[in-house]
Amino acid sequence: MARRIVVNPEIHFGQPCLEGTRIPVYAVLELVEKEIPFETIVRDYYPDLTVEDVRKCVEYAVQVIKAEEIMLESLPSVS
């Protein structure tokens, strides 16, 4: 998992944040979701970050989803 992402129970109630900042990963991902270019996110929203930091947020989200266990209910068989 991306080491740049850290969890501290005393910052944002334990939400994953970028190390050395109080910027939660979800806040960066919300901008990515809006299709804002990484360079624009850094320039206009989070100048303390780098484009690589934004990539690490995306990488973190992918790793979390890959590790997520999904429980599917069994569907009744059709008679």
PDB file of N, CA and C in Angstrom:
ATOM      1  N   MET A   1       0.842  -1.185   0.000  1.00  0.00           N
ATOM      2  CA  MET A   1       0.000   0.000   0.000  1.00  0.00           C
ATOM      3  C   MET A   1       0.887   1.249   0.000  1.00  0.00           C
ATOM      4  N   ALA A   2       0.395   2.331  -0.512  1.00  0.00           N
ATOM      5  CA  ALA A   2       1.162   3.559  -0.632  1.00  0.00           C
ATOM      6  C   ALA A   2       1.569   4.077   0.745  1.00  0.00           C
ATOM      7  N   ARG A   3       2.875   4.156   1.006  1.00  0.00           N
ATOM      8  CA  ARG A   3       3.364   4.606   2.314  1.00  0.00           C
ATOM      9  C   ARG A   3       3.050   6.076   2.551  1.00  0.00           C
ATOM     10  N   ARG A   4       2.828   6.836   1.541  1.00  0.00           N
ATOM     11  CA  ARG A   4       2.519   8.262   1.700  1.00  0.00           C
ATOM     12  C   ARG A   4       1.182   8.450   2.402  1.00  0.00           C
ATOM     13  N   ILE A   5       0.365   7.417   2.442  1.00  0.00           N
ATOM     14  CA  ILE A   5      -0.942   7.468   3.086  1.00  0.00           C
ATOM     15  C   ILE A   5      -0.795   6.910   4.501  1.00  0.00           C
ATOM     16  N   VAL A   6      -1.272   7.675   5.484  1.00  0.00           N
ATOM     17  CA  VAL A   6      -1.167   7.245   6.871  1.00  0.00           C
ATOM     18  C   VAL A   6      -2.524   7.375   7.559  1.00  0.00           C
ATOM     19  N   VAL A   7      -2.681   6.600   8.623  1.00  0.00           N
ATOM     20  CA  VAL A   7      -3.897   6.665   9.434  1.00  0.00           C
ATOM     21  C   VAL A   7      -3.472   7.011  10.855  1.00  0.00           C
ATOM     22  N   ASN A   8      -4.011   8.101  11.357  1.00  0.00           N
ATOM     23  CA  ASN A   8      -3.733   8.536  12.721  1.00  0.00           C
ATOM     24  C   ASN A   8      -5.083   8.802  13.370  1.00  0.00           C
ATOM     25  N   PRO A   9      -5.415   8.072  14.449  1.00  0.00           N
ATOM     26  CA  PRO A   9      -6.726   8.249  15.073  1.00  0.00           C
ATOM     27  C   PRO A   9      -6.984   9.669  15.571  1.00  0.00           C
ATOM     28  N   GLU A  10      -5.946  10.482  15.677  1.00  0.00           N
ATOM     29  CA  GLU A  10      -6.117  11.852  16.167  1.00  0.00           C
ATOM     30  C   GLU A  10      -6.273  12.872  15.040  1.00  0.00           C
ATOM     31  N   ILE A  11      -6.202  12.416  13.801  1.00  0.00           N
ATOM     32  CA  ILE A  11      -6.386  13.316  12.657  1.00  0.00           C
ATOM     33  C   ILE A  11      -7.565  12.823  11.836  1.00  0.00           C
ATOM     34  N   HIS A  12      -8.556  13.693  11.679  1.00  0.00           N
ATOM     35  CA  HIS A  12      -9.768  13.365  10.907  1.00  0.00           C
ATOM     36  C   HIS A  12     -10.386  12.032  11.339  1.00  0.00           C
ATOM     37  N   PHE A  13     -10.417  11.799  12.648  1.00  0.00           N
ATOM     38  CA  PHE A  13     -11.055  10.603  13.210  1.00  0.00           C
ATOM     39  C   PHE A  13     -10.524   9.312  12.601  1.00  0.00           C
ATOM     40  N   GLY A  14      -9.245   9.305  12.246  1.00  0.00           N
ATOM     41  CA  GLY A  14      -8.632   8.095  11.710  1.00  0.00           C
ATOM     42  C   GLY A  14      -8.824   7.885  10.227  1.00  0.00           C
ATOM     43  N   GLN A  15      -9.356   8.869   9.532  1.00  0.00           N
ATOM     44  CA  GLN A  15      -9.475   8.751   8.074  1.00  0.00           C
ATOM     45  C   GLN A  15      -8.065   8.743   7.468  1.00  0.00           C
ATOM     46  N   PRO A  16      -7.840   7.955   6.431  1.00  0.00           N
ATOM     47  CA  PRO A  16      -6.526   7.977   5.774  1.00  0.00           C
ATOM     48  C   PRO A  16      -6.217   9.378   5.233  1.00  0.00           C
ATOM     49  N   CYS A  17      -5.007   9.858   5.521  1.00  0.00           N
ATOM     50  CA  CYS A  17      -4.562  11.183   5.080  1.00  0.00           C
ATOM     51  C   CYS A  17      -3.188  11.060   4.442  1.00  0.00           C
ATOM     52  N   LEU A  18      -2.814  12.087   3.721  1.00  0.00           N
ATOM     53  CA  LEU A  18      -1.459  12.143   3.173  1.00  0.00           C
ATOM     54  C   LEU A  18      -0.506  12.504   4.305  1.00  0.00           C
ATOM     55  N   GLU A  19       0.556  11.746   4.406  1.00  0.00           N
ATOM     56  CA  GLU A  19       1.523  11.904   5.488  1.00  0.00           C
ATOM     57  C   GLU A  19       2.032  13.340   5.564  1.00  0.00           C
ATOM     58  N   GLY A  20       2.087  13.865   6.793  1.00  0.00           N
ATOM     59  CA  GLY A  20       2.578  15.213   7.004  1.00  0.00           C
ATOM     60  C   GLY A  20       1.553  16.299   6.738  1.00  0.00           C
ATOM     61  N   THR A  21       0.330  15.897   6.411  1.00  0.00           N
ATOM     62  CA  THR A  21      -0.740  16.865   6.148  1.00  0.00           C
ATOM     63  C   THR A  21      -1.986  16.435   6.917  1.00  0.00           C
ATOM     64  N   ARG A  22      -2.981  17.262   6.859  1.00  0.00           N
ATOM     65  CA  ARG A  22      -4.296  16.908   7.398  1.00  0.00           C
ATOM     66  C   ARG A  22      -5.274  16.730   6.230  1.00  0.00           C
ATOM     67  N   ILE A  23      -4.745  16.421   5.062  1.00  0.00           N
ATOM     68  CA  ILE A  23      -5.565  16.272   3.851  1.00  0.00           C
ATOM     69  C   ILE A  23      -6.019  14.826   3.738  1.00  0.00           C
ATOM     70  N   PRO A  24      -7.333  14.582   3.873  1.00  0.00           N
ATOM     71  CA  PRO A  24      -7.820  13.202   3.765  1.00  0.00           C
ATOM     72  C   PRO A  24      -7.809  12.712   2.320  1.00  0.00           C
ATOM     73  N   VAL A  25      -7.533  11.439   2.172  1.00  0.00           N
ATOM     74  CA  VAL A  25      -7.501  10.818   0.847  1.00  0.00           C
ATOM     75  C   VAL A  25      -8.833  11.031   0.129  1.00  0.00           C
ATOM     76  N   TYR A  26      -9.946  10.874   0.857  1.00  0.00           N
ATOM     77  CA  TYR A  26     -11.246  10.993   0.196  1.00  0.00           C
ATOM     78  C   TYR A  26     -11.437  12.366  -0.432  1.00  0.00           C
ATOM     79  N   ALA A  27     -10.881  13.424   0.171  1.00  0.00           N
ATOM     80  CA  ALA A  27     -11.037  14.769  -0.387  1.00  0.00           C
ATOM     81  C   ALA A  27     -10.331  14.884  -1.741  1.00  0.00           C
ATOM     82  N   VAL A  28      -9.164  14.275  -1.834  1.00  0.00           N
ATOM     83  CA  VAL A  28      -8.433  14.277  -3.110  1.00  0.00           C
ATOM     84  C   VAL A  28      -9.180  13.433  -4.131  1.00  0.00           C
ATOM     85  N   LEU A  29      -9.687  12.277  -3.698  1.00  0.00           N
ATOM     86  CA  LEU A  29     -10.403  11.388  -4.618  1.00  0.00           C
ATOM     87  C   LEU A  29     -11.700  12.007  -5.132  1.00  0.00           C
ATOM     88  N   GLU A  30     -12.340  12.827  -4.316  1.00  0.00           N
ATOM     89  CA  GLU A  30     -13.547  13.513  -4.792  1.00  0.00           C
ATOM     90  C   GLU A  30     -13.231  14.435  -5.962  1.00  0.00           C
ATOM     91  N   LEU A  31     -12.062  15.059  -5.939  1.00  0.00           N
ATOM     92  CA  LEU A  31     -11.654  15.914  -7.055  1.00  0.00           C
ATOM     93  C   LEU A  31     -11.307  15.079  -8.280  1.00  0.00           C
ATOM     94  N   VAL A  32     -10.654  13.949  -8.058  1.00  0.00           N
ATOM     95  CA  VAL A  32     -10.343  13.037  -9.163  1.00  0.00           C
ATOM     96  C   VAL A  32     -11.644  12.547  -9.792  1.00  0.00           C
ATOM     97  N   GLU A  33     -12.624  12.237  -8.955  1.00  0.00           N
ATOM     98  CA  GLU A  33     -13.928  11.770  -9.439  1.00  0.00           C
ATOM     99  C   GLU A  33     -14.577  12.801 -10.362  1.00  0.00           C
ATOM    100  N   LYS A  34     -14.342  14.074 -10.082  1.00  0.00           N
ATOM    101  CA  LYS A  34     -14.898  15.163 -10.903  1.00  0.00           C
ATOM    102  C   LYS A  34     -14.079  15.400 -12.166  1.00  0.00           C
ATOM    103  N   GLU A  35     -13.099  14.507 -12.412  1.00  0.00           N
ATOM    104  CA  GLU A  35     -12.245  14.556 -13.591  1.00  0.00           C
ATOM    105  C   GLU A  35     -11.377  15.817 -13.658  1.00  0.00           C
ATOM    106  N   ILE A  36     -11.030  16.338 -12.492  1.00  0.00           N
ATOM    107  CA  ILE A  36     -10.114  17.473 -12.438  1.00  0.00           C
ATOM    108  C   ILE A  36      -8.701  16.917 -12.627  1.00  0.00           C
ATOM    109  N   PRO A  37      -7.951  17.462 -13.558  1.00  0.00           N
ATOM    110  CA  PRO A  37      -6.591  16.951 -13.801  1.00  0.00           C
ATOM    111  C   PRO A  37      -5.727  17.030 -12.539  1.00  0.00           C
ATOM    112  N   PHE A  38      -4.851  16.071 -12.404  1.00  0.00           N
ATOM    113  CA  PHE A  38      -3.988  15.999 -11.220  1.00  0.00           C
ATOM    114  C   PHE A  38      -3.219  17.303 -11.021  1.00  0.00           C
ATOM    115  N   GLU A  39      -2.697  17.863 -12.102  1.00  0.00           N
ATOM    116  CA  GLU A  39      -1.930  19.101 -12.017  1.00  0.00           C
ATOM    117  C   GLU A  39      -2.784  20.244 -11.471  1.00  0.00           C
ATOM    118  N   THR A  40      -4.059  20.268 -11.848  1.00  0.00           N
ATOM    119  CA  THR A  40      -4.975  21.301 -11.374  1.00  0.00           C
ATOM    120  C   THR A  40      -5.304  21.093  -9.905  1.00  0.00           C
ATOM    121  N   ILE A  41      -5.447  19.857  -9.490  1.00  0.00           N
ATOM    122  CA  ILE A  41      -5.699  19.567  -8.071  1.00  0.00           C
ATOM    123  C   ILE A  41      -4.564  20.124  -7.227  1.00  0.00           C
ATOM    124  N   VAL A  42      -3.348  19.901  -7.671  1.00  0.00           N
ATOM    125  CA  VAL A  42      -2.180  20.387  -6.929  1.00  0.00           C
ATOM    126  C   VAL A  42      -2.118  21.913  -6.975  1.00  0.00           C
ATOM    127  N   ARG A  43      -2.274  22.482  -8.142  1.00  0.00           N
ATOM    128  CA  ARG A  43      -2.126  23.932  -8.307  1.00  0.00           C
ATOM    129  C   ARG A  43      -3.240  24.719  -7.608  1.00  0.00           C
ATOM    130  N   ASP A  44      -4.507  24.276  -7.787  1.00  0.00           N
ATOM    131  CA  ASP A  44      -5.639  25.089  -7.341  1.00  0.00           C
ATOM    132  C   ASP A  44      -6.246  24.676  -6.003  1.00  0.00           C
ATOM    133  N   TYR A  45      -6.039  23.440  -5.600  1.00  0.00           N
ATOM    134  CA  TYR A  45      -6.701  22.952  -4.382  1.00  0.00           C
ATOM    135  C   TYR A  45      -5.717  22.614  -3.259  1.00  0.00           C
ATOM    136  N   TYR A  46      -4.661  21.907  -3.579  1.00  0.00           N
ATOM    137  CA  TYR A  46      -3.721  21.429  -2.566  1.00  0.00           C
ATOM    138  C   TYR A  46      -2.283  21.688  -2.999  1.00  0.00           C
ATOM    139  N   PRO A  47      -1.826  22.924  -2.923  1.00  0.00           N
ATOM    140  CA  PRO A  47      -0.459  23.235  -3.371  1.00  0.00           C
ATOM    141  C   PRO A  47       0.635  22.573  -2.531  1.00  0.00           C
ATOM    142  N   ASP A  48       0.284  22.058  -1.357  1.00  0.00           N
ATOM    143  CA  ASP A  48       1.283  21.340  -0.547  1.00  0.00           C
ATOM    144  C   ASP A  48       1.511  19.923  -1.047  1.00  0.00           C
ATOM    145  N   LEU A  49       0.688  19.467  -1.991  1.00  0.00           N
ATOM    146  CA  LEU A  49       0.817  18.117  -2.534  1.00  0.00           C
ATOM    147  C   LEU A  49       1.565  18.151  -3.859  1.00  0.00           C
ATOM    148  N   THR A  50       1.917  16.965  -4.319  1.00  0.00           N
ATOM    149  CA  THR A  50       2.515  16.805  -5.643  1.00  0.00           C
ATOM    150  C   THR A  50       1.578  15.939  -6.475  1.00  0.00           C
ATOM    151  N   VAL A  51       1.827  15.912  -7.758  1.00  0.00           N
ATOM    152  CA  VAL A  51       1.047  15.034  -8.632  1.00  0.00           C
ATOM    153  C   VAL A  51       1.221  13.587  -8.176  1.00  0.00           C
ATOM    154  N   GLU A  52       2.407  13.231  -7.722  1.00  0.00           N
ATOM    155  CA  GLU A  52       2.648  11.876  -7.221  1.00  0.00           C
ATOM    156  C   GLU A  52       1.788  11.584  -5.990  1.00  0.00           C
ATOM    157  N   ASP A  53       1.547  12.578  -5.144  1.00  0.00           N
ATOM    158  CA  ASP A  53       0.666  12.391  -3.987  1.00  0.00           C
ATOM    159  C   ASP A  53      -0.755  12.056  -4.443  1.00  0.00           C
ATOM    160  N   VAL A  54      -1.228  12.730  -5.466  1.00  0.00           N
ATOM    161  CA  VAL A  54      -2.568  12.451  -5.995  1.00  0.00           C
ATOM    162  C   VAL A  54      -2.609  11.022  -6.540  1.00  0.00           C
ATOM    163  N   ARG A  55      -1.560  10.620  -7.245  1.00  0.00           N
ATOM    164  CA  ARG A  55      -1.482   9.244  -7.744  1.00  0.00           C
ATOM    165  C   ARG A  55      -1.509   8.247  -6.589  1.00  0.00           C
ATOM    166  N   LYS A  56      -0.829   8.569  -5.491  1.00  0.00           N
ATOM    167  CA  LYS A  56      -0.815   7.684  -4.327  1.00  0.00           C
ATOM    168  C   LYS A  56      -2.213   7.536  -3.728  1.00  0.00           C
ATOM    169  N   CYS A  57      -3.013   8.579  -3.778  1.00  0.00           N
ATOM    170  CA  CYS A  57      -4.394   8.491  -3.296  1.00  0.00           C
ATOM    171  C   CYS A  57      -5.193   7.513  -4.151  1.00  0.00           C
ATOM    172  N   VAL A  58      -5.029   7.596  -5.452  1.00  0.00           N
ATOM    173  CA  VAL A  58      -5.718   6.674  -6.357  1.00  0.00           C
ATOM    174  C   VAL A  58      -5.215   5.255  -6.119  1.00  0.00           C
ATOM    175  N   GLU A  59      -3.912   5.089  -5.994  1.00  0.00           N
ATOM    176  CA  GLU A  59      -3.325   3.776  -5.731  1.00  0.00           C
ATOM    177  C   GLU A  59      -3.877   3.196  -4.423  1.00  0.00           C
ATOM    178  N   TYR A  60      -3.973   4.026  -3.409  1.00  0.00           N
ATOM    179  CA  TYR A  60      -4.507   3.590  -2.116  1.00  0.00           C
ATOM    180  C   TYR A  60      -5.950   3.087  -2.274  1.00  0.00           C
ATOM    181  N   ALA A  61      -6.769   3.848  -2.990  1.00  0.00           N
ATOM    182  CA  ALA A  61      -8.164   3.456  -3.194  1.00  0.00           C
ATOM    183  C   ALA A  61      -8.263   2.118  -3.927  1.00  0.00           C
ATOM    184  N   VAL A  62      -7.426   1.920  -4.924  1.00  0.00           N
ATOM    185  CA  VAL A  62      -7.415   0.654  -5.665  1.00  0.00           C
ATOM    186  C   VAL A  62      -7.043  -0.489  -4.731  1.00  0.00           C
ATOM    187  N   GLN A  63      -6.022  -0.290  -3.910  1.00  0.00           N
ATOM    188  CA  GLN A  63      -5.581  -1.347  -2.992  1.00  0.00           C
ATOM    189  C   GLN A  63      -6.662  -1.678  -1.965  1.00  0.00           C
ATOM    190  N   VAL A  64      -7.352  -0.674  -1.470  1.00  0.00           N
ATOM    191  CA  VAL A  64      -8.430  -0.913  -0.496  1.00  0.00           C
ATOM    192  C   VAL A  64      -9.552  -1.725  -1.137  1.00  0.00           C
ATOM    193  N   ILE A  65      -9.922  -1.379  -2.348  1.00  0.00           N
ATOM    194  CA  ILE A  65     -10.998  -2.098  -3.033  1.00  0.00           C
ATOM    195  C   ILE A  65     -10.568  -3.525  -3.358  1.00  0.00           C
ATOM    196  N   LYS A  66      -9.329  -3.696  -3.766  1.00  0.00           N
ATOM    197  CA  LYS A  66      -8.834  -5.043  -4.066  1.00  0.00           C
ATOM    198  C   LYS A  66      -8.845  -5.924  -2.823  1.00  0.00           C
ATOM    199  N   ALA A  67      -8.606  -5.338  -1.664  1.00  0.00           N
ATOM    200  CA  ALA A  67      -8.551  -6.105  -0.421  1.00  0.00           C
ATOM    201  C   ALA A  67      -9.921  -6.300   0.216  1.00  0.00           C
ATOM    202  N   GLU A  68     -10.921  -5.573  -0.276  1.00  0.00           N
ATOM    203  CA  GLU A  68     -12.261  -5.638   0.307  1.00  0.00           C
ATOM    204  C   GLU A  68     -12.898  -7.003   0.043  1.00  0.00           C
ATOM    205  N   GLU A  69     -13.466  -7.550   1.084  1.00  0.00           N
ATOM    206  CA  GLU A  69     -14.163  -8.824   0.949  1.00  0.00           C
ATOM    207  C   GLU A  69     -15.650  -8.531   0.769  1.00  0.00           C
ATOM    208  N   ILE A  70     -16.198  -9.024  -0.303  1.00  0.00           N
ATOM    209  CA  ILE A  70     -17.603  -8.772  -0.609  1.00  0.00           C
ATOM    210  C   ILE A  70     -18.383 -10.056  -0.381  1.00  0.00           C
ATOM    211  N   MET A  71     -19.408  -9.952   0.420  1.00  0.00           N
ATOM    212  CA  MET A  71     -20.242 -11.105   0.720  1.00  0.00           C
ATOM    213  C   MET A  71     -21.481 -11.050  -0.175  1.00  0.00           C
ATOM    214  N   LEU A  72     -21.632 -12.041  -1.025  1.00  0.00           N
ATOM    215  CA  LEU A  72     -22.792 -12.107  -1.891  1.00  0.00           C
ATOM    216  C   LEU A  72     -23.795 -13.084  -1.317  1.00  0.00           C
ATOM    217  N   GLU A  73     -25.037 -12.662  -1.319  1.00  0.00           N
ATOM    218  CA  GLU A  73     -26.066 -13.585  -0.853  1.00  0.00           C
ATOM    219  C   GLU A  73     -26.355 -14.615  -1.931  1.00  0.00           C
ATOM    220  N   SER A  74     -26.659 -15.821  -1.516  1.00  0.00           N
ATOM    221  CA  SER A  74     -27.022 -16.855  -2.477  1.00  0.00           C
ATOM    222  C   SER A  74     -28.421 -16.551  -3.013  1.00  0.00           C
ATOM    223  N   LEU A  75     -28.548 -16.669  -4.299  1.00  0.00           N
ATOM    224  CA  LEU A  75     -29.850 -16.477  -4.912  1.00  0.00           C
ATOM    225  C   LEU A  75     -30.614 -17.783  -4.887  1.00  0.00           C
ATOM    226  N   PRO A  76     -31.923 -17.727  -4.644  1.00  0.00           N
ATOM    227  CA  PRO A  76     -32.696 -18.975  -4.653  1.00  0.00           C
ATOM    228  C   PRO A  76     -32.680 -19.603  -6.054  1.00  0.00           C
ATOM    229  N   SER A  77     -32.644 -20.901  -6.094  1.00  0.00           N
ATOM    230  CA  SER A  77     -32.641 -21.573  -7.395  1.00  0.00           C
ATOM    231  C   SER A  77     -34.040 -21.503  -8.000  1.00  0.00           C
ATOM    232  N   VAL A  78     -34.063 -21.451  -9.318  1.00  0.00           N
ATOM    233  CA  VAL A  78     -35.333 -21.385 -10.057  1.00  0.00           C
ATOM    234  C   VAL A  78     -35.797 -22.821 -10.308  1.00  0.00           C
ATOM    235  N   SER A  79     -37.039 -23.085  -9.954  1.00  0.00           N
ATOM    236  CA  SER A  79     -37.583 -24.436 -10.151  1.00  0.00           C
ATOM    237  C   SER A  79     -38.331 -24.567 -11.440  1.00  0.00           C
TER     238      SER A  79
END
